Amino acid sequence: MNTITTPEIIDQVKDLISYSIINKNVEKSNFQTMHRALVKKYFDAKHVNIDYQEQTIDLKLPVGQNKYTQITFECQNIERFLKSCLKKDDKSIFFYQSLLNHYNIISAA
């Protein structure tokens, strides 16, 4: 049985992000959903929207219990930004494993 280590999982997710940005017109809605999920996970945000043309990200950030504030920021490199949103805690790694399995990047042992 092969065990995938945390660094390998992070590297595979980074590769998937690179692939999804380069091939954003292929299965576009699925990749956009994945990108939004990564941002939501990192910021614990709601209503994430990524404008690839304008290179902006709109989201609602938590500022208190059940309170959110809307922010928009410009992102010079969406691929680099998405990669910077990766965490190494156990809960995040489990999420990334599920993500990779969804996109058939890792095969189950």
PDB file of N, CA and C in Angstrom:
ATOM      1  N   MET A   1       0.839  -1.180   0.000  1.00  0.00           N
ATOM      2  CA  MET A   1       0.000   0.000   0.000  1.00  0.00           C
ATOM      3  C   MET A   1       0.887   1.247   0.000  1.00  0.00           C
ATOM      4  N   ASN A   2       0.649   2.143  -0.917  1.00  0.00           N
ATOM      5  CA  ASN A   2       1.420   3.377  -0.997  1.00  0.00           C
ATOM      6  C   ASN A   2       0.803   4.447  -0.109  1.00  0.00           C
ATOM      7  N   THR A   3       1.664   5.118   0.645  1.00  0.00           N
ATOM      8  CA  THR A   3       1.211   6.220   1.469  1.00  0.00           C
ATOM      9  C   THR A   3       1.720   7.505   0.834  1.00  0.00           C
ATOM     10  N   ILE A   4       0.811   8.410   0.579  1.00  0.00           N
ATOM     11  CA  ILE A   4       1.183   9.703  -0.002  1.00  0.00           C
ATOM     12  C   ILE A   4       1.475  10.658   1.150  1.00  0.00           C
ATOM     13  N   THR A   5       2.626  11.322   1.104  1.00  0.00           N
ATOM     14  CA  THR A   5       3.002  12.241   2.173  1.00  0.00           C
ATOM     15  C   THR A   5       2.395  13.626   1.933  1.00  0.00           C
ATOM     16  N   THR A   6       2.357  14.401   2.994  1.00  0.00           N
ATOM     17  CA  THR A   6       1.805  15.758   2.907  1.00  0.00           C
ATOM     18  C   THR A   6       2.497  16.580   1.822  1.00  0.00           C
ATOM     19  N   PRO A   7       3.857  16.597   1.751  1.00  0.00           N
ATOM     20  CA  PRO A   7       4.495  17.373   0.672  1.00  0.00           C
ATOM     21  C   PRO A   7       4.083  16.904  -0.725  1.00  0.00           C
ATOM     22  N   GLU A   8       3.907  15.584  -0.898  1.00  0.00           N
ATOM     23  CA  GLU A   8       3.488  15.073  -2.206  1.00  0.00           C
ATOM     24  C   GLU A   8       2.072  15.533  -2.542  1.00  0.00           C
ATOM     25  N   ILE A   9       1.200  15.522  -1.562  1.00  0.00           N
ATOM     26  CA  ILE A   9      -0.180  15.978  -1.789  1.00  0.00           C
ATOM     27  C   ILE A   9      -0.186  17.449  -2.174  1.00  0.00           C
ATOM     28  N   ILE A  10       0.564  18.263  -1.432  1.00  0.00           N
ATOM     29  CA  ILE A  10       0.645  19.704  -1.733  1.00  0.00           C
ATOM     30  C   ILE A  10       1.196  19.911  -3.147  1.00  0.00           C
ATOM     31  N   ASP A  11       2.239  19.175  -3.506  1.00  0.00           N
ATOM     32  CA  ASP A  11       2.820  19.297  -4.855  1.00  0.00           C
ATOM     33  C   ASP A  11       1.807  18.907  -5.928  1.00  0.00           C
ATOM     34  N   GLN A  12       1.040  17.849  -5.691  1.00  0.00           N
ATOM     35  CA  GLN A  12       0.049  17.417  -6.672  1.00  0.00           C
ATOM     36  C   GLN A  12      -1.087  18.429  -6.811  1.00  0.00           C
ATOM     37  N   VAL A  13      -1.477  19.044  -5.703  1.00  0.00           N
ATOM     38  CA  VAL A  13      -2.510  20.084  -5.782  1.00  0.00           C
ATOM     39  C   VAL A  13      -1.964  21.289  -6.545  1.00  0.00           C
ATOM     40  N   LYS A  14      -0.710  21.645  -6.301  1.00  0.00           N
ATOM     41  CA  LYS A  14      -0.085  22.749  -7.047  1.00  0.00           C
ATOM     42  C   LYS A  14      -0.056  22.439  -8.542  1.00  0.00           C
ATOM     43  N   ASP A  15       0.278  21.192  -8.887  1.00  0.00           N
ATOM     44  CA  ASP A  15       0.275  20.790 -10.292  1.00  0.00           C
ATOM     45  C   ASP A  15      -1.133  20.887 -10.885  1.00  0.00           C
ATOM     46  N   LEU A  16      -2.124  20.471 -10.110  1.00  0.00           N
ATOM     47  CA  LEU A  16      -3.513  20.561 -10.566  1.00  0.00           C
ATOM     48  C   LEU A  16      -3.927  22.014 -10.775  1.00  0.00           C
ATOM     49  N   ILE A  17      -3.514  22.895  -9.877  1.00  0.00           N
ATOM     50  CA  ILE A  17      -3.810  24.327 -10.027  1.00  0.00           C
ATOM     51  C   ILE A  17      -3.175  24.846 -11.314  1.00  0.00           C
ATOM     52  N   SER A  18      -1.910  24.504 -11.550  1.00  0.00           N
ATOM     53  CA  SER A  18      -1.229  24.944 -12.781  1.00  0.00           C
ATOM     54  C   SER A  18      -1.969  24.448 -14.015  1.00  0.00           C
ATOM     55  N   TYR A  19      -2.322  23.171 -14.003  1.00  0.00           N
ATOM     56  CA  TYR A  19      -3.053  22.591 -15.130  1.00  0.00           C
ATOM     57  C   TYR A  19      -4.394  23.294 -15.325  1.00  0.00           C
ATOM     58  N   SER A  20      -5.097  23.553 -14.228  1.00  0.00           N
ATOM     59  CA  SER A  20      -6.432  24.142 -14.327  1.00  0.00           C
ATOM     60  C   SER A  20      -6.389  25.583 -14.830  1.00  0.00           C
ATOM     61  N   ILE A  21      -5.322  26.303 -14.517  1.00  0.00           N
ATOM     62  CA  ILE A  21      -5.186  27.680 -15.009  1.00  0.00           C
ATOM     63  C   ILE A  21      -4.835  27.666 -16.497  1.00  0.00           C
ATOM     64  N   ILE A  22      -3.911  26.806 -16.895  1.00  0.00           N
ATOM     65  CA  ILE A  22      -3.497  26.714 -18.302  1.00  0.00           C
ATOM     66  C   ILE A  22      -4.658  26.241 -19.175  1.00  0.00           C
ATOM     67  N   ASN A  23      -5.459  25.325 -18.643  1.00  0.00           N
ATOM     68  CA  ASN A  23      -6.564  24.723 -19.401  1.00  0.00           C
ATOM     69  C   ASN A  23      -7.914  25.184 -18.871  1.00  0.00           C
ATOM     70  N   LYS A  24      -8.013  26.457 -18.526  1.00  0.00           N
ATOM     71  CA  LYS A  24      -9.239  26.923 -17.877  1.00  0.00           C
ATOM     72  C   LYS A  24     -10.480  26.830 -18.768  1.00  0.00           C
ATOM     73  N   ASN A  25     -10.306  26.707 -20.074  1.00  0.00           N
ATOM     74  CA  ASN A  25     -11.470  26.565 -20.961  1.00  0.00           C
ATOM     75  C   ASN A  25     -11.953  25.123 -21.054  1.00  0.00           C
ATOM     76  N   VAL A  26     -11.129  24.183 -20.615  1.00  0.00           N
ATOM     77  CA  VAL A  26     -11.528  22.779 -20.580  1.00  0.00           C
ATOM     78  C   VAL A  26     -12.178  22.536 -19.221  1.00  0.00           C
ATOM     79  N   GLU A  27     -13.391  22.025 -19.233  1.00  0.00           N
ATOM     80  CA  GLU A  27     -14.124  21.799 -17.991  1.00  0.00           C
ATOM     81  C   GLU A  27     -14.098  23.066 -17.139  1.00  0.00           C
ATOM     82  N   LYS A  28     -14.327  24.185 -17.761  1.00  0.00           N
ATOM     83  CA  LYS A  28     -14.156  25.477 -17.105  1.00  0.00           C
ATOM     84  C   LYS A  28     -14.916  25.597 -15.794  1.00  0.00           C
ATOM     85  N   SER A  29     -16.170  25.213 -15.795  1.00  0.00           N
ATOM     86  CA  SER A  29     -16.947  25.395 -14.577  1.00  0.00           C
ATOM     87  C   SER A  29     -16.408  24.538 -13.438  1.00  0.00           C
ATOM     88  N   ASN A  30     -15.916  23.331 -13.745  1.00  0.00           N
ATOM     89  CA  ASN A  30     -15.341  22.496 -12.694  1.00  0.00           C
ATOM     90  C   ASN A  30     -14.078  23.114 -12.113  1.00  0.00           C
ATOM     91  N   PHE A  31     -13.230  23.648 -12.953  1.00  0.00           N
ATOM     92  CA  PHE A  31     -12.011  24.266 -12.452  1.00  0.00           C
ATOM     93  C   PHE A  31     -12.324  25.538 -11.679  1.00  0.00           C
ATOM     94  N   GLN A  32     -13.279  26.315 -12.146  1.00  0.00           N
ATOM     95  CA  GLN A  32     -13.666  27.517 -11.405  1.00  0.00           C
ATOM     96  C   GLN A  32     -14.207  27.149 -10.032  1.00  0.00           C
ATOM     97  N   THR A  33     -14.975  26.070  -9.974  1.00  0.00           N
ATOM     98  CA  THR A  33     -15.502  25.607  -8.697  1.00  0.00           C
ATOM     99  C   THR A  33     -14.358  25.201  -7.770  1.00  0.00           C
ATOM    100  N   MET A  34     -13.373  24.504  -8.312  1.00  0.00           N
ATOM    101  CA  MET A  34     -12.212  24.108  -7.518  1.00  0.00           C
ATOM    102  C   MET A  34     -11.465  25.338  -7.001  1.00  0.00           C
ATOM    103  N   HIS A  35     -11.254  26.323  -7.853  1.00  0.00           N
ATOM    104  CA  HIS A  35     -10.547  27.540  -7.446  1.00  0.00           C
ATOM    105  C   HIS A  35     -11.309  28.252  -6.324  1.00  0.00           C
ATOM    106  N   ARG A  36     -12.615  28.372  -6.489  1.00  0.00           N
ATOM    107  CA  ARG A  36     -13.437  29.012  -5.447  1.00  0.00           C
ATOM    108  C   ARG A  36     -13.363  28.218  -4.140  1.00  0.00           C
ATOM    109  N   ALA A  37     -13.381  26.897  -4.232  1.00  0.00           N
ATOM    110  CA  ALA A  37     -13.318  26.052  -3.031  1.00  0.00           C
ATOM    111  C   ALA A  37     -11.998  26.256  -2.280  1.00  0.00           C
ATOM    112  N   LEU A  38     -10.897  26.386  -3.004  1.00  0.00           N
ATOM    113  CA  LEU A  38      -9.601  26.618  -2.361  1.00  0.00           C
ATOM    114  C   LEU A  38      -9.590  27.948  -1.610  1.00  0.00           C
ATOM    115  N   VAL A  39     -10.147  28.987  -2.228  1.00  0.00           N
ATOM    116  CA  VAL A  39     -10.192  30.306  -1.585  1.00  0.00           C
ATOM    117  C   VAL A  39     -11.137  30.266  -0.378  1.00  0.00           C
ATOM    118  N   LYS A  40     -12.290  29.636  -0.547  1.00  0.00           N
ATOM    119  CA  LYS A  40     -13.237  29.511   0.575  1.00  0.00           C
ATOM    120  C   LYS A  40     -12.597  28.792   1.749  1.00  0.00           C
ATOM    121  N   LYS A  41     -11.886  27.714   1.465  1.00  0.00           N
ATOM    122  CA  LYS A  41     -11.242  26.917   2.518  1.00  0.00           C
ATOM    123  C   LYS A  41     -10.195  27.750   3.248  1.00  0.00           C
ATOM    124  N   TYR A  42      -9.390  28.470   2.508  1.00  0.00           N
ATOM    125  CA  TYR A  42      -8.290  29.231   3.110  1.00  0.00           C
ATOM    126  C   TYR A  42      -8.791  30.384   3.978  1.00  0.00           C
ATOM    127  N   PHE A  43      -9.761  31.131   3.461  1.00  0.00           N
ATOM    128  CA  PHE A  43     -10.241  32.326   4.160  1.00  0.00           C
ATOM    129  C   PHE A  43     -11.487  32.089   5.010  1.00  0.00           C
ATOM    130  N   ASP A  44     -12.054  30.879   4.952  1.00  0.00           N
ATOM    131  CA  ASP A  44     -13.342  30.591   5.586  1.00  0.00           C
ATOM    132  C   ASP A  44     -14.376  31.595   5.060  1.00  0.00           C
ATOM    133  N   ALA A  45     -14.311  31.836   3.760  1.00  0.00           N
ATOM    134  CA  ALA A  45     -15.101  32.879   3.104  1.00  0.00           C
ATOM    135  C   ALA A  45     -16.405  32.330   2.534  1.00  0.00           C
ATOM    136  N   LYS A  46     -17.260  33.237   2.153  1.00  0.00           N
ATOM    137  CA  LYS A  46     -18.513  32.910   1.470  1.00  0.00           C
ATOM    138  C   LYS A  46     -18.550  33.669   0.149  1.00  0.00           C
ATOM    139  N   HIS A  47     -19.360  33.173  -0.752  1.00  0.00           N
ATOM    140  CA  HIS A  47     -19.648  33.869  -2.010  1.00  0.00           C
ATOM    141  C   HIS A  47     -18.381  34.334  -2.736  1.00  0.00           C
ATOM    142  N   VAL A  48     -17.503  33.418  -3.022  1.00  0.00           N
ATOM    143  CA  VAL A  48     -16.249  33.722  -3.718  1.00  0.00           C
ATOM    144  C   VAL A  48     -16.511  33.773  -5.218  1.00  0.00           C
ATOM    145  N   ASN A  49     -16.047  34.835  -5.853  1.00  0.00           N
ATOM    146  CA  ASN A  49     -16.130  34.965  -7.304  1.00  0.00           C
ATOM    147  C   ASN A  49     -14.764  35.396  -7.826  1.00  0.00           C
ATOM    148  N   ILE A  50     -14.265  34.669  -8.819  1.00  0.00           N
ATOM    149  CA  ILE A  50     -12.962  34.988  -9.408  1.00  0.00           C
ATOM    150  C   ILE A  50     -13.188  35.464 -10.838  1.00  0.00           C
ATOM    151  N   ASP A  51     -12.738  36.677 -11.130  1.00  0.00           N
ATOM    152  CA  ASP A  51     -12.814  37.232 -12.479  1.00  0.00           C
ATOM    153  C   ASP A  51     -11.431  37.067 -13.111  1.00  0.00           C
ATOM    154  N   TYR A  52     -11.326  36.095 -14.001  1.00  0.00           N
ATOM    155  CA  TYR A  52     -10.028  35.758 -14.590  1.00  0.00           C
ATOM    156  C   TYR A  52      -9.541  36.834 -15.552  1.00  0.00           C
ATOM    157  N   GLN A  53     -10.453  37.522 -16.214  1.00  0.00           N
ATOM    158  CA  GLN A  53     -10.076  38.591 -17.154  1.00  0.00           C
ATOM    159  C   GLN A  53      -9.520  39.803 -16.410  1.00  0.00           C
ATOM    160  N   GLU A  54     -10.252  40.237 -15.388  1.00  0.00           N
ATOM    161  CA  GLU A  54      -9.848  41.418 -14.619  1.00  0.00           C
ATOM    162  C   GLU A  54      -8.828  41.081 -13.534  1.00  0.00           C
ATOM    163  N   GLN A  55      -8.629  39.780 -13.299  1.00  0.00           N
ATOM    164  CA  GLN A  55      -7.728  39.300 -12.255  1.00  0.00           C
ATOM    165  C   GLN A  55      -8.121  39.853 -10.882  1.00  0.00           C
ATOM    166  N   THR A  56      -9.420  39.741 -10.571  1.00  0.00           N
ATOM    167  CA  THR A  56      -9.906  40.172  -9.265  1.00  0.00           C
ATOM    168  C   THR A  56     -10.627  39.021  -8.571  1.00  0.00           C
ATOM    169  N   ILE A  57     -10.656  39.117  -7.257  1.00  0.00           N
ATOM    170  CA  ILE A  57     -11.359  38.132  -6.446  1.00  0.00           C
ATOM    171  C   ILE A  57     -12.301  38.881  -5.519  1.00  0.00           C
ATOM    172  N   ASP A  58     -13.578  38.509  -5.580  1.00  0.00           N
ATOM    173  CA  ASP A  58     -14.601  39.066  -4.692  1.00  0.00           C
ATOM    174  C   ASP A  58     -14.979  37.973  -3.705  1.00  0.00           C
ATOM    175  N   LEU A  59     -15.088  38.333  -2.436  1.00  0.00           N
ATOM    176  CA  LEU A  59     -15.506  37.348  -1.450  1.00  0.00           C
ATOM    177  C   LEU A  59     -16.047  38.030  -0.208  1.00  0.00           C
ATOM    178  N   LYS A  60     -16.742  37.254   0.586  1.00  0.00           N
ATOM    179  CA  LYS A  60     -17.232  37.736   1.873  1.00  0.00           C
ATOM    180  C   LYS A  60     -16.398  37.063   2.954  1.00  0.00           C
ATOM    181  N   LEU A  61     -15.689  37.899   3.740  1.00  0.00           N
ATOM    182  CA  LEU A  61     -14.833  37.405   4.813  1.00  0.00           C
ATOM    183  C   LEU A  61     -15.558  37.458   6.145  1.00  0.00           C
ATOM    184  N   PRO A  62     -15.346  36.455   7.005  1.00  0.00           N
ATOM    185  CA  PRO A  62     -15.970  36.513   8.330  1.00  0.00           C
ATOM    186  C   PRO A  62     -15.309  37.586   9.190  1.00  0.00           C
ATOM    187  N   VAL A  63     -16.152  38.379   9.865  1.00  0.00           N
ATOM    188  CA  VAL A  63     -15.645  39.417  10.767  1.00  0.00           C
ATOM    189  C   VAL A  63     -16.234  39.256  12.169  1.00  0.00           C
ATOM    190  N   GLY A  64     -17.068  38.268  12.341  1.00  0.00           N
ATOM    191  CA  GLY A  64     -17.685  37.988  13.635  1.00  0.00           C
ATOM    192  C   GLY A  64     -18.608  36.808  13.459  1.00  0.00           C
ATOM    193  N   GLN A  65     -19.285  36.456  14.532  1.00  0.00           N
ATOM    194  CA  GLN A  65     -20.205  35.327  14.451  1.00  0.00           C
ATOM    195  C   GLN A  65     -21.361  35.679  13.518  1.00  0.00           C
ATOM    196  N   ASN A  66     -21.446  34.926  12.421  1.00  0.00           N
ATOM    197  CA  ASN A  66     -22.480  35.123  11.393  1.00  0.00           C
ATOM    198  C   ASN A  66     -22.447  36.510  10.763  1.00  0.00           C
ATOM    199  N   LYS A  67     -21.302  37.188  10.802  1.00  0.00           N
ATOM    200  CA  LYS A  67     -21.160  38.501  10.168  1.00  0.00           C
ATOM    201  C   LYS A  67     -20.028  38.424   9.156  1.00  0.00           C
ATOM    202  N   TYR A  68     -20.301  38.950   7.972  1.00  0.00           N
ATOM    203  CA  TYR A  68     -19.329  38.918   6.891  1.00  0.00           C
ATOM    204  C   TYR A  68     -19.214  40.302   6.274  1.00  0.00           C
ATOM    205  N   THR A  69     -18.042  40.577   5.723  1.00  0.00           N
ATOM    206  CA  THR A  69     -17.848  41.822   4.993  1.00  0.00           C
ATOM    207  C   THR A  69     -17.374  41.491   3.575  1.00  0.00           C
ATOM    208  N   GLN A  70     -17.911  42.207   2.599  1.00  0.00           N
ATOM    209  CA  GLN A  70     -17.582  41.998   1.183  1.00  0.00           C
ATOM    210  C   GLN A  70     -16.279  42.720   0.856  1.00  0.00           C
ATOM    211  N   ILE A  71     -15.341  42.006   0.252  1.00  0.00           N
ATOM    212  CA  ILE A  71     -14.117  42.650  -0.211  1.00  0.00           C
ATOM    213  C   ILE A  71     -13.813  42.197  -1.634  1.00  0.00           C
ATOM    214  N   THR A  72     -13.127  43.053  -2.350  1.00  0.00           N
ATOM    215  CA  THR A  72     -12.633  42.743  -3.694  1.00  0.00           C
ATOM    216  C   THR A  72     -11.162  43.131  -3.727  1.00  0.00           C
ATOM    217  N   PHE A  73     -10.343  42.248  -4.241  1.00  0.00           N
ATOM    218  CA  PHE A  73      -8.940  42.616  -4.377  1.00  0.00           C
ATOM    219  C   PHE A  73      -8.409  42.140  -5.718  1.00  0.00           C
ATOM    220  N   GLU A  74      -7.409  42.874  -6.186  1.00  0.00           N
ATOM    221  CA  GLU A  74      -6.762  42.542  -7.454  1.00  0.00           C
ATOM    222  C   GLU A  74      -5.665  41.531  -7.189  1.00  0.00           C
ATOM    223  N   CYS A  75      -5.524  40.608  -8.108  1.00  0.00           N
ATOM    224  CA  CYS A  75      -4.546  39.541  -7.965  1.00  0.00           C
ATOM    225  C   CYS A  75      -3.710  39.507  -9.237  1.00  0.00           C
ATOM    226  N   GLN A  76      -2.448  39.864  -9.152  1.00  0.00           N
ATOM    227  CA  GLN A  76      -1.614  39.938 -10.345  1.00  0.00           C
ATOM    228  C   GLN A  76      -1.376  38.580 -10.986  1.00  0.00           C
ATOM    229  N   ASN A  77      -1.375  37.519 -10.163  1.00  0.00           N
ATOM    230  CA  ASN A  77      -1.131  36.180 -10.685  1.00  0.00           C
ATOM    231  C   ASN A  77      -2.047  35.209  -9.935  1.00  0.00           C
ATOM    232  N   ILE A  78      -3.165  34.854 -10.537  1.00  0.00           N
ATOM    233  CA  ILE A  78      -4.156  34.012  -9.872  1.00  0.00           C
ATOM    234  C   ILE A  78      -3.572  32.641  -9.542  1.00  0.00           C
ATOM    235  N   GLU A  79      -2.783  32.091 -10.432  1.00  0.00           N
ATOM    236  CA  GLU A  79      -2.182  30.777 -10.163  1.00  0.00           C
ATOM    237  C   GLU A  79      -1.319  30.820  -8.899  1.00  0.00           C
ATOM    238  N   ARG A  80      -0.454  31.788  -8.798  1.00  0.00           N
ATOM    239  CA  ARG A  80       0.415  31.915  -7.624  1.00  0.00           C
ATOM    240  C   ARG A  80      -0.415  32.159  -6.363  1.00  0.00           C
ATOM    241  N   PHE A  81      -1.455  32.989  -6.491  1.00  0.00           N
ATOM    242  CA  PHE A  81      -2.323  33.256  -5.350  1.00  0.00           C
ATOM    243  C   PHE A  81      -2.995  31.974  -4.859  1.00  0.00           C
ATOM    244  N   LEU A  82      -3.556  31.186  -5.779  1.00  0.00           N
ATOM    245  CA  LEU A  82      -4.232  29.946  -5.391  1.00  0.00           C
ATOM    246  C   LEU A  82      -3.258  28.983  -4.707  1.00  0.00           C
ATOM    247  N   LYS A  83      -2.050  28.894  -5.219  1.00  0.00           N
ATOM    248  CA  LYS A  83      -1.047  28.025  -4.595  1.00  0.00           C
ATOM    249  C   LYS A  83      -0.683  28.506  -3.197  1.00  0.00           C
ATOM    250  N   SER A  84      -0.714  29.812  -2.988  1.00  0.00           N
ATOM    251  CA  SER A  84      -0.389  30.354  -1.662  1.00  0.00           C
ATOM    252  C   SER A  84      -1.510  30.093  -0.652  1.00  0.00           C
ATOM    253  N   CYS A  85      -2.669  29.688  -1.121  1.00  0.00           N
ATOM    254  CA  CYS A  85      -3.806  29.406  -0.245  1.00  0.00           C
ATOM    255  C   CYS A  85      -3.787  27.988   0.328  1.00  0.00           C
ATOM    256  N   LEU A  86      -2.769  27.215   0.007  1.00  0.00           N
ATOM    257  CA  LEU A  86      -2.714  25.834   0.484  1.00  0.00           C
ATOM    258  C   LEU A  86      -2.167  25.782   1.910  1.00  0.00           C
ATOM    259  N   LYS A  87      -2.868  25.027   2.767  1.00  0.00           N
ATOM    260  CA  LYS A  87      -2.452  24.832   4.158  1.00  0.00           C
ATOM    261  C   LYS A  87      -1.979  23.394   4.338  1.00  0.00           C
ATOM    262  N   LYS A  88      -1.241  23.151   5.423  1.00  0.00           N
ATOM    263  CA  LYS A  88      -0.693  21.818   5.656  1.00  0.00           C
ATOM    264  C   LYS A  88      -1.299  21.121   6.884  1.00  0.00           C
ATOM    265  N   ASP A  89      -2.370  21.668   7.434  1.00  0.00           N
ATOM    266  CA  ASP A  89      -3.003  21.016   8.574  1.00  0.00           C
ATOM    267  C   ASP A  89      -3.768  19.770   8.112  1.00  0.00           C
ATOM    268  N   ASP A  90      -4.065  18.878   9.043  1.00  0.00           N
ATOM    269  CA  ASP A  90      -4.687  17.594   8.703  1.00  0.00           C
ATOM    270  C   ASP A  90      -6.025  17.754   7.978  1.00  0.00           C
ATOM    271  N   LYS A  91      -6.842  18.673   8.434  1.00  0.00           N
ATOM    272  CA  LYS A  91      -8.160  18.878   7.811  1.00  0.00           C
ATOM    273  C   LYS A  91      -8.010  19.336   6.355  1.00  0.00           C
ATOM    274  N   SER A  92      -7.067  20.224   6.112  1.00  0.00           N
ATOM    275  CA  SER A  92      -6.832  20.700   4.745  1.00  0.00           C
ATOM    276  C   SER A  92      -6.274  19.589   3.861  1.00  0.00           C
ATOM    277  N   ILE A  93      -5.348  18.810   4.389  1.00  0.00           N
ATOM    278  CA  ILE A  93      -4.758  17.714   3.608  1.00  0.00           C
ATOM    279  C   ILE A  93      -5.842  16.719   3.214  1.00  0.00           C
ATOM    280  N   PHE A  94      -6.755  16.415   4.121  1.00  0.00           N
ATOM    281  CA  PHE A  94      -7.868  15.518   3.797  1.00  0.00           C
ATOM    282  C   PHE A  94      -8.716  16.111   2.669  1.00  0.00           C
ATOM    283  N   PHE A  95      -8.979  17.421   2.742  1.00  0.00           N
ATOM    284  CA  PHE A  95      -9.735  18.121   1.693  1.00  0.00           C
ATOM    285  C   PHE A  95      -8.996  18.026   0.353  1.00  0.00           C
ATOM    286  N   TYR A  96      -7.690  18.232   0.366  1.00  0.00           N
ATOM    287  CA  TYR A  96      -6.911  18.172  -0.874  1.00  0.00           C
ATOM    288  C   TYR A  96      -6.892  16.759  -1.449  1.00  0.00           C
ATOM    289  N   GLN A  97      -6.812  15.745  -0.570  1.00  0.00           N
ATOM    290  CA  GLN A  97      -6.864  14.363  -1.049  1.00  0.00           C
ATOM    291  C   GLN A  97      -8.192  14.102  -1.756  1.00  0.00           C
ATOM    292  N   SER A  98      -9.275  14.597  -1.177  1.00  0.00           N
ATOM    293  CA  SER A  98     -10.596  14.440  -1.803  1.00  0.00           C
ATOM    294  C   SER A  98     -10.638  15.158  -3.141  1.00  0.00           C
ATOM    295  N   LEU A  99     -10.060  16.336  -3.189  1.00  0.00           N
ATOM    296  CA  LEU A  99     -10.007  17.117  -4.419  1.00  0.00           C
ATOM    297  C   LEU A  99      -9.226  16.370  -5.498  1.00  0.00           C
ATOM    298  N   LEU A 100      -8.077  15.839  -5.132  1.00  0.00           N
ATOM    299  CA  LEU A 100      -7.259  15.098  -6.083  1.00  0.00           C
ATOM    300  C   LEU A 100      -7.980  13.834  -6.552  1.00  0.00           C
ATOM    301  N   ASN A 101      -8.637  13.155  -5.643  1.00  0.00           N
ATOM    302  CA  ASN A 101      -9.397  11.966  -6.026  1.00  0.00           C
ATOM    303  C   ASN A 101     -10.516  12.334  -6.985  1.00  0.00           C
ATOM    304  N   HIS A 102     -11.147  13.461  -6.752  1.00  0.00           N
ATOM    305  CA  HIS A 102     -12.223  13.920  -7.647  1.00  0.00           C
ATOM    306  C   HIS A 102     -11.704  14.131  -9.068  1.00  0.00           C
ATOM    307  N   TYR A 103     -10.516  14.688  -9.182  1.00  0.00           N
ATOM    308  CA  TYR A 103      -9.919  14.936 -10.482  1.00  0.00           C
ATOM    309  C   TYR A 103      -9.046  13.772 -10.948  1.00  0.00           C
ATOM    310  N   ASN A 104      -9.116  12.642 -10.250  1.00  0.00           N
ATOM    311  CA  ASN A 104      -8.399  11.415 -10.605  1.00  0.00           C
ATOM    312  C   ASN A 104      -6.891  11.610 -10.700  1.00  0.00           C
ATOM    313  N   ILE A 105      -6.338  12.402  -9.800  1.00  0.00           N
ATOM    314  CA  ILE A 105      -4.900  12.623  -9.807  1.00  0.00           C
ATOM    315  C   ILE A 105      -4.190  11.511  -9.034  1.00  0.00           C
ATOM    316  N   ILE A 106      -4.785  11.071  -7.940  1.00  0.00           N
ATOM    317  CA  ILE A 106      -4.211   9.968  -7.172  1.00  0.00           C
ATOM    318  C   ILE A 106      -5.158   8.784  -7.299  1.00  0.00           C
ATOM    319  N   SER A 107      -4.627   7.623  -7.505  1.00  0.00           N
ATOM    320  CA  SER A 107      -5.488   6.442  -7.527  1.00  0.00           C
ATOM    321  C   SER A 107      -5.472   5.815  -6.132  1.00  0.00           C
ATOM    322  N   ALA A 108      -6.607   5.317  -5.728  1.00  0.00           N
ATOM    323  CA  ALA A 108      -6.708   4.685  -4.409  1.00  0.00           C
ATOM    324  C   ALA A 108      -5.855   3.429  -4.375  1.00  0.00           C
ATOM    325  N   ALA A 109      -5.186   3.219  -3.264  1.00  0.00           N
ATOM    326  CA  ALA A 109      -4.300   2.045  -3.147  1.00  0.00           C
ATOM    327  C   ALA A 109      -5.101   0.809  -2.792  1.00  0.00           C
TER     328      ALA A 109
END
